Amino acid sequence: MREEAEKWLKQSLEDLSTAEDLIKSSHYYASASFSQQSAEKALKAFLIDRGKVVRMHDLNEILGIIEKDLGLKVDEIREDANKLTVHYVISRYPDAANALPYAIYSKEDAEDLLRRAKRVIEWVKRNLQ
C-alpha cells in the first residue's frame, strides 16, 4: 500500500474509534459526523492507493469514480455510502436539517451509522489487498 494511502486509512480507523467513543458519551451527532468521515477517508485511501486523488465529500460520487475509473463493483456498500454521505453536512450545521444537530440524532442513529462505516472500511481493506 502506498504510504499516503496508509496514512488516510489509519486516520479513518482513528475516526471510527472516535465515533465509538462519542456514542458512549451520548454525543450522537458528533459520532455521526466521525462515522461519515471514517468512511470517506477509507474510500479516499483506496483511491490514493490506486493513484487517484479526489477532493469531495459525497461518498456516492467517490463510489462512482471507483466503479467507473477502476472497474470495481461497489454494490455491496452503495446503500451504506448513501446513508452516510448526508451526515457530512447534517451532523455539523444547525441550518442543514432545520434543527440543531445534537437534537436530532439518537443512539440508534449513531450506532447504525457506525455499523455502516465499519462495512465501508472492511470493504476497503478487502479490496486493498
N, C-alpha and C. Protein backbone atom coordinates (compact mmCIF):
# COMPACT_ATOMS: atom_id res chain seq x y z
N MET A 1 0.85 -1.18 0.00
CA MET A 1 0.00 0.00 0.00
C MET A 1 0.89 1.24 0.00
N ARG A 2 0.49 2.21 -0.75
CA ARG A 2 1.24 3.47 -0.79
C ARG A 2 1.23 4.12 0.59
N GLU A 3 2.31 4.79 0.91
CA GLU A 3 2.45 5.41 2.23
C GLU A 3 1.32 6.42 2.49
N GLU A 4 1.00 7.23 1.52
CA GLU A 4 -0.06 8.23 1.71
C GLU A 4 -1.41 7.56 1.93
N ALA A 5 -1.67 6.49 1.21
CA ALA A 5 -2.92 5.75 1.39
C ALA A 5 -2.98 5.15 2.79
N GLU A 6 -1.86 4.66 3.27
CA GLU A 6 -1.81 4.08 4.62
C GLU A 6 -2.14 5.14 5.67
N LYS A 7 -1.66 6.35 5.48
CA LYS A 7 -1.97 7.45 6.41
C LYS A 7 -3.47 7.71 6.44
N TRP A 8 -4.08 7.76 5.28
CA TRP A 8 -5.53 8.01 5.20
C TRP A 8 -6.31 6.88 5.86
N LEU A 9 -5.88 5.66 5.65
CA LEU A 9 -6.58 4.53 6.26
C LEU A 9 -6.42 4.55 7.78
N LYS A 10 -5.22 4.86 8.26
CA LYS A 10 -5.01 4.95 9.71
C LYS A 10 -5.90 6.02 10.33
N GLN A 11 -6.00 7.17 9.67
CA GLN A 11 -6.86 8.23 10.20
C GLN A 11 -8.33 7.81 10.15
N SER A 12 -8.70 7.07 9.13
CA SER A 12 -10.05 6.54 9.03
C SER A 12 -10.38 5.66 10.23
N LEU A 13 -9.45 4.80 10.60
CA LEU A 13 -9.65 3.91 11.74
C LEU A 13 -9.71 4.68 13.05
N GLU A 14 -8.92 5.73 13.15
CA GLU A 14 -8.96 6.58 14.35
C GLU A 14 -10.30 7.32 14.44
N ASP A 15 -10.78 7.80 13.30
CA ASP A 15 -12.10 8.46 13.28
C ASP A 15 -13.20 7.48 13.68
N LEU A 16 -13.07 6.23 13.24
CA LEU A 16 -14.05 5.20 13.60
C LEU A 16 -14.04 4.97 15.12
N SER A 17 -12.87 4.90 15.69
CA SER A 17 -12.74 4.73 17.14
C SER A 17 -13.34 5.93 17.88
N THR A 18 -13.13 7.11 17.36
CA THR A 18 -13.70 8.31 17.95
C THR A 18 -15.22 8.26 17.89
N ALA A 19 -15.76 7.81 16.77
CA ALA A 19 -17.22 7.67 16.64
C ALA A 19 -17.76 6.73 17.71
N GLU A 20 -17.06 5.64 17.96
CA GLU A 20 -17.48 4.70 19.01
C GLU A 20 -17.45 5.36 20.39
N ASP A 21 -16.38 6.10 20.67
CA ASP A 21 -16.26 6.79 21.96
C ASP A 21 -17.37 7.82 22.15
N LEU A 22 -17.72 8.51 21.08
CA LEU A 22 -18.74 9.54 21.17
C LEU A 22 -20.13 8.96 21.45
N ILE A 23 -20.38 7.75 21.01
CA ILE A 23 -21.65 7.09 21.35
C ILE A 23 -21.68 6.84 22.86
N LYS A 24 -20.58 6.39 23.41
CA LYS A 24 -20.52 6.11 24.84
C LYS A 24 -20.78 7.35 25.68
N SER A 25 -20.41 8.51 25.16
CA SER A 25 -20.62 9.76 25.91
C SER A 25 -21.89 10.50 25.47
N SER A 26 -22.73 9.82 24.69
CA SER A 26 -24.04 10.35 24.24
C SER A 26 -23.93 11.56 23.31
N HIS A 27 -22.82 11.70 22.63
CA HIS A 27 -22.67 12.75 21.62
C HIS A 27 -22.96 12.15 20.25
N TYR A 28 -24.21 11.86 20.02
CA TYR A 28 -24.62 11.08 18.85
C TYR A 28 -24.40 11.84 17.54
N TYR A 29 -24.65 13.14 17.54
CA TYR A 29 -24.44 13.93 16.32
C TYR A 29 -22.96 13.91 15.91
N ALA A 30 -22.09 14.01 16.90
CA ALA A 30 -20.65 14.01 16.61
C ALA A 30 -20.19 12.62 16.15
N SER A 31 -20.78 11.59 16.73
CA SER A 31 -20.48 10.23 16.28
C SER A 31 -20.88 10.06 14.82
N ALA A 32 -22.03 10.59 14.45
CA ALA A 32 -22.48 10.52 13.06
C ALA A 32 -21.47 11.18 12.13
N SER A 33 -20.99 12.32 12.53
CA SER A 33 -20.01 13.04 11.72
C SER A 33 -18.72 12.24 11.56
N PHE A 34 -18.23 11.68 12.66
CA PHE A 34 -16.99 10.89 12.59
C PHE A 34 -17.19 9.58 11.83
N SER A 35 -18.38 9.01 11.90
CA SER A 35 -18.65 7.80 11.10
C SER A 35 -18.56 8.12 9.62
N GLN A 36 -19.19 9.22 9.22
CA GLN A 36 -19.13 9.62 7.81
C GLN A 36 -17.68 9.89 7.40
N GLN A 37 -16.95 10.59 8.25
CA GLN A 37 -15.57 10.91 7.94
C GLN A 37 -14.69 9.67 7.84
N SER A 38 -14.94 8.70 8.70
CA SER A 38 -14.13 7.48 8.65
C SER A 38 -14.34 6.74 7.34
N ALA A 39 -15.58 6.67 6.88
CA ALA A 39 -15.87 6.01 5.61
C ALA A 39 -15.25 6.79 4.44
N GLU A 40 -15.40 8.11 4.50
CA GLU A 40 -14.84 8.95 3.43
C GLU A 40 -13.33 8.78 3.34
N LYS A 41 -12.65 8.81 4.46
CA LYS A 41 -11.19 8.70 4.44
C LYS A 41 -10.73 7.32 3.99
N ALA A 42 -11.49 6.28 4.34
CA ALA A 42 -11.14 4.94 3.88
C ALA A 42 -11.27 4.84 2.36
N LEU A 43 -12.36 5.38 1.82
CA LEU A 43 -12.54 5.35 0.36
C LEU A 43 -11.47 6.17 -0.34
N LYS A 44 -11.10 7.30 0.25
CA LYS A 44 -10.03 8.12 -0.33
C LYS A 44 -8.69 7.39 -0.24
N ALA A 45 -8.46 6.65 0.83
CA ALA A 45 -7.24 5.85 0.94
C ALA A 45 -7.17 4.85 -0.21
N PHE A 46 -8.31 4.24 -0.50
CA PHE A 46 -8.37 3.28 -1.60
C PHE A 46 -8.01 3.95 -2.92
N LEU A 47 -8.59 5.11 -3.17
CA LEU A 47 -8.30 5.83 -4.42
C LEU A 47 -6.84 6.27 -4.48
N ILE A 48 -6.33 6.78 -3.37
CA ILE A 48 -4.93 7.21 -3.33
C ILE A 48 -4.01 6.04 -3.65
N ASP A 49 -4.34 4.87 -3.10
CA ASP A 49 -3.53 3.69 -3.38
C ASP A 49 -3.54 3.35 -4.87
N ARG A 50 -4.59 3.71 -5.55
CA ARG A 50 -4.71 3.45 -7.00
C ARG A 50 -4.26 4.64 -7.83
N GLY A 51 -3.65 5.64 -7.17
CA GLY A 51 -3.09 6.79 -7.89
C GLY A 51 -4.07 7.89 -8.20
N LYS A 52 -5.20 7.90 -7.51
CA LYS A 52 -6.21 8.94 -7.75
C LYS A 52 -6.42 9.76 -6.49
N VAL A 53 -6.52 11.07 -6.65
CA VAL A 53 -6.81 11.96 -5.53
C VAL A 53 -8.10 12.70 -5.86
N VAL A 54 -9.04 12.68 -4.93
CA VAL A 54 -10.29 13.40 -5.12
C VAL A 54 -10.50 14.35 -3.96
N ARG A 55 -11.15 15.44 -4.24
CA ARG A 55 -11.46 16.43 -3.22
C ARG A 55 -12.97 16.63 -3.21
N MET A 56 -13.65 15.71 -2.59
CA MET A 56 -15.10 15.76 -2.49
C MET A 56 -15.50 15.00 -1.24
N HIS A 57 -16.75 15.21 -0.83
CA HIS A 57 -17.23 14.56 0.39
C HIS A 57 -18.40 13.62 0.12
N ASP A 58 -18.93 13.65 -1.07
CA ASP A 58 -20.08 12.80 -1.42
C ASP A 58 -19.58 11.38 -1.67
N LEU A 59 -19.94 10.50 -0.76
CA LEU A 59 -19.46 9.12 -0.85
C LEU A 59 -19.98 8.43 -2.09
N ASN A 60 -21.16 8.80 -2.54
CA ASN A 60 -21.71 8.21 -3.77
C ASN A 60 -20.89 8.61 -4.98
N GLU A 61 -20.43 9.84 -5.01
CA GLU A 61 -19.57 10.28 -6.12
C GLU A 61 -18.23 9.54 -6.08
N ILE A 62 -17.71 9.35 -4.89
CA ILE A 62 -16.44 8.62 -4.75
C ILE A 62 -16.62 7.19 -5.24
N LEU A 63 -17.74 6.56 -4.86
CA LEU A 63 -18.00 5.20 -5.34
C LEU A 63 -18.14 5.18 -6.86
N GLY A 64 -18.73 6.23 -7.43
CA GLY A 64 -18.84 6.31 -8.88
C GLY A 64 -17.49 6.31 -9.56
N ILE A 65 -16.53 7.01 -8.97
CA ILE A 65 -15.18 7.05 -9.52
C ILE A 65 -14.53 5.66 -9.41
N ILE A 66 -14.72 5.01 -8.27
CA ILE A 66 -14.15 3.67 -8.09
C ILE A 66 -14.73 2.72 -9.12
N GLU A 67 -16.01 2.82 -9.34
CA GLU A 67 -16.67 1.92 -10.28
C GLU A 67 -16.28 2.22 -11.72
N LYS A 68 -16.36 3.49 -12.08
CA LYS A 68 -16.12 3.88 -13.48
C LYS A 68 -14.63 3.81 -13.85
N ASP A 69 -13.80 4.44 -13.04
CA ASP A 69 -12.38 4.55 -13.39
C ASP A 69 -11.57 3.29 -13.08
N LEU A 70 -11.99 2.56 -12.03
CA LEU A 70 -11.21 1.40 -11.61
C LEU A 70 -11.89 0.07 -11.95
N GLY A 71 -13.15 0.15 -12.38
CA GLY A 71 -13.86 -1.05 -12.80
C GLY A 71 -14.24 -2.00 -11.67
N LEU A 72 -14.34 -1.47 -10.47
CA LEU A 72 -14.69 -2.31 -9.32
C LEU A 72 -16.18 -2.17 -9.00
N LYS A 73 -16.81 -3.26 -8.66
CA LYS A 73 -18.21 -3.24 -8.25
C LYS A 73 -18.30 -2.75 -6.81
N VAL A 74 -19.22 -1.85 -6.55
CA VAL A 74 -19.37 -1.26 -5.22
C VAL A 74 -20.78 -1.46 -4.65
N ASP A 75 -21.55 -2.32 -5.31
CA ASP A 75 -22.94 -2.53 -4.89
C ASP A 75 -23.05 -2.92 -3.42
N GLU A 76 -22.10 -3.67 -2.94
CA GLU A 76 -22.09 -4.17 -1.57
C GLU A 76 -22.15 -3.04 -0.52
N ILE A 77 -21.56 -1.88 -0.87
CA ILE A 77 -21.52 -0.78 0.10
C ILE A 77 -22.26 0.47 -0.38
N ARG A 78 -22.94 0.36 -1.49
CA ARG A 78 -23.65 1.53 -2.05
C ARG A 78 -24.68 2.09 -1.06
N GLU A 79 -25.50 1.24 -0.48
CA GLU A 79 -26.53 1.73 0.45
C GLU A 79 -25.89 2.36 1.69
N ASP A 80 -24.84 1.75 2.19
CA ASP A 80 -24.14 2.31 3.35
C ASP A 80 -23.60 3.70 3.03
N ALA A 81 -22.96 3.83 1.90
CA ALA A 81 -22.42 5.13 1.49
C ALA A 81 -23.53 6.15 1.32
N ASN A 82 -24.64 5.73 0.74
CA ASN A 82 -25.77 6.62 0.54
C ASN A 82 -26.30 7.15 1.88
N LYS A 83 -26.42 6.27 2.85
CA LYS A 83 -26.92 6.68 4.17
C LYS A 83 -25.93 7.57 4.91
N LEU A 84 -24.64 7.32 4.74
CA LEU A 84 -23.62 8.08 5.46
C LEU A 84 -23.38 9.47 4.88
N THR A 85 -23.46 9.61 3.57
CA THR A 85 -22.96 10.81 2.91
C THR A 85 -23.65 12.10 3.37
N VAL A 86 -24.93 12.05 3.65
CA VAL A 86 -25.65 13.28 4.03
C VAL A 86 -25.22 13.79 5.40
N HIS A 87 -24.61 12.94 6.19
CA HIS A 87 -24.25 13.34 7.55
C HIS A 87 -22.99 14.20 7.59
N TYR A 88 -22.34 14.34 6.44
CA TYR A 88 -21.21 15.28 6.37
C TYR A 88 -21.70 16.69 6.70
N VAL A 89 -22.90 17.02 6.27
CA VAL A 89 -23.46 18.35 6.49
C VAL A 89 -24.45 18.36 7.66
N ILE A 90 -25.39 17.44 7.66
CA ILE A 90 -26.47 17.46 8.65
C ILE A 90 -25.95 17.37 10.08
N SER A 91 -24.92 16.60 10.31
CA SER A 91 -24.41 16.41 11.67
C SER A 91 -23.59 17.60 12.16
N ARG A 92 -23.30 18.54 11.28
CA ARG A 92 -22.39 19.63 11.64
C ARG A 92 -23.02 21.01 11.67
N TYR A 93 -24.05 21.23 10.87
CA TYR A 93 -24.55 22.59 10.72
C TYR A 93 -26.01 22.72 11.16
N PRO A 94 -26.31 23.71 12.00
CA PRO A 94 -27.67 23.84 12.52
C PRO A 94 -28.72 24.23 11.48
N ASP A 95 -28.32 24.71 10.33
CA ASP A 95 -29.30 25.08 9.32
C ASP A 95 -29.47 24.02 8.23
N ALA A 96 -28.74 22.92 8.32
CA ALA A 96 -28.79 21.91 7.27
C ALA A 96 -30.05 21.06 7.32
N ALA A 97 -30.57 20.81 8.49
CA ALA A 97 -31.77 19.97 8.62
C ALA A 97 -32.88 20.72 9.35
N ASN A 98 -32.76 22.04 9.39
CA ASN A 98 -33.74 22.88 10.10
C ASN A 98 -33.88 22.47 11.56
N ALA A 99 -32.79 21.99 12.14
CA ALA A 99 -32.75 21.61 13.55
C ALA A 99 -31.31 21.58 14.00
N LEU A 100 -31.13 21.68 15.30
CA LEU A 100 -29.78 21.58 15.84
C LEU A 100 -29.30 20.14 15.76
N PRO A 101 -28.11 19.92 15.24
CA PRO A 101 -27.64 18.54 15.08
C PRO A 101 -27.71 17.71 16.36
N TYR A 102 -27.33 18.28 17.47
CA TYR A 102 -27.32 17.48 18.71
C TYR A 102 -28.73 17.03 19.12
N ALA A 103 -29.76 17.72 18.61
CA ALA A 103 -31.13 17.40 18.99
C ALA A 103 -31.80 16.36 18.09
N ILE A 104 -31.22 16.06 16.94
CA ILE A 104 -31.92 15.18 16.01
C ILE A 104 -31.36 13.76 15.93
N TYR A 105 -30.21 13.53 16.55
CA TYR A 105 -29.61 12.20 16.48
C TYR A 105 -29.90 11.39 17.74
N SER A 106 -30.22 10.14 17.54
CA SER A 106 -30.44 9.22 18.65
C SER A 106 -29.27 8.25 18.73
N LYS A 107 -29.23 7.50 19.80
CA LYS A 107 -28.21 6.47 19.95
C LYS A 107 -28.33 5.45 18.82
N GLU A 108 -29.56 5.09 18.48
CA GLU A 108 -29.79 4.13 17.39
C GLU A 108 -29.26 4.66 16.07
N ASP A 109 -29.49 5.96 15.80
CA ASP A 109 -28.96 6.58 14.58
C ASP A 109 -27.44 6.46 14.54
N ALA A 110 -26.81 6.84 15.63
CA ALA A 110 -25.34 6.82 15.69
C ALA A 110 -24.80 5.40 15.53
N GLU A 111 -25.44 4.44 16.18
CA GLU A 111 -24.99 3.05 16.07
C GLU A 111 -25.16 2.51 14.66
N ASP A 112 -26.26 2.88 14.00
CA ASP A 112 -26.48 2.45 12.63
C ASP A 112 -25.40 3.02 11.70
N LEU A 113 -25.10 4.29 11.86
CA LEU A 113 -24.09 4.92 11.01
C LEU A 113 -22.70 4.34 11.29
N LEU A 114 -22.43 4.02 12.53
CA LEU A 114 -21.16 3.38 12.87
C LEU A 114 -21.04 2.02 12.19
N ARG A 115 -22.10 1.22 12.22
CA ARG A 115 -22.08 -0.09 11.55
C ARG A 115 -21.84 0.09 10.05
N ARG A 116 -22.49 1.07 9.46
CA ARG A 116 -22.33 1.31 8.03
C ARG A 116 -20.89 1.72 7.69
N ALA A 117 -20.32 2.58 8.52
CA ALA A 117 -18.93 2.99 8.31
C ALA A 117 -17.99 1.79 8.42
N LYS A 118 -18.25 0.92 9.38
CA LYS A 118 -17.42 -0.28 9.53
C LYS A 118 -17.49 -1.15 8.28
N ARG A 119 -18.68 -1.28 7.69
CA ARG A 119 -18.81 -2.10 6.47
C ARG A 119 -18.02 -1.49 5.32
N VAL A 120 -18.06 -0.16 5.19
CA VAL A 120 -17.29 0.50 4.13
C VAL A 120 -15.80 0.27 4.34
N ILE A 121 -15.35 0.43 5.57
CA ILE A 121 -13.93 0.25 5.86
C ILE A 121 -13.50 -1.19 5.60
N GLU A 122 -14.30 -2.14 5.99
CA GLU A 122 -13.98 -3.54 5.74
C GLU A 122 -13.89 -3.82 4.24
N TRP A 123 -14.79 -3.24 3.46
CA TRP A 123 -14.75 -3.39 2.00
C TRP A 123 -13.43 -2.83 1.47
N VAL A 124 -13.05 -1.65 1.95
CA VAL A 124 -11.79 -1.04 1.51
C VAL A 124 -10.62 -1.95 1.86
N LYS A 125 -10.57 -2.44 3.07
CA LYS A 125 -9.46 -3.31 3.49
C LYS A 125 -9.37 -4.56 2.61
N ARG A 126 -10.52 -5.18 2.33
CA ARG A 126 -10.51 -6.38 1.48
C ARG A 126 -10.01 -6.07 0.08
N ASN A 127 -10.37 -4.93 -0.44
CA ASN A 127 -10.01 -4.59 -1.82
C ASN A 127 -8.63 -3.94 -1.94
N LEU A 128 -8.03 -3.57 -0.84
CA LEU A 128 -6.67 -3.04 -0.88
C LEU A 128 -5.65 -4.16 -1.02
N GLN A 129 -6.04 -5.36 -0.69
CA GLN A 129 -5.09 -6.47 -0.72
C GLN A 129 -4.94 -7.05 -2.10
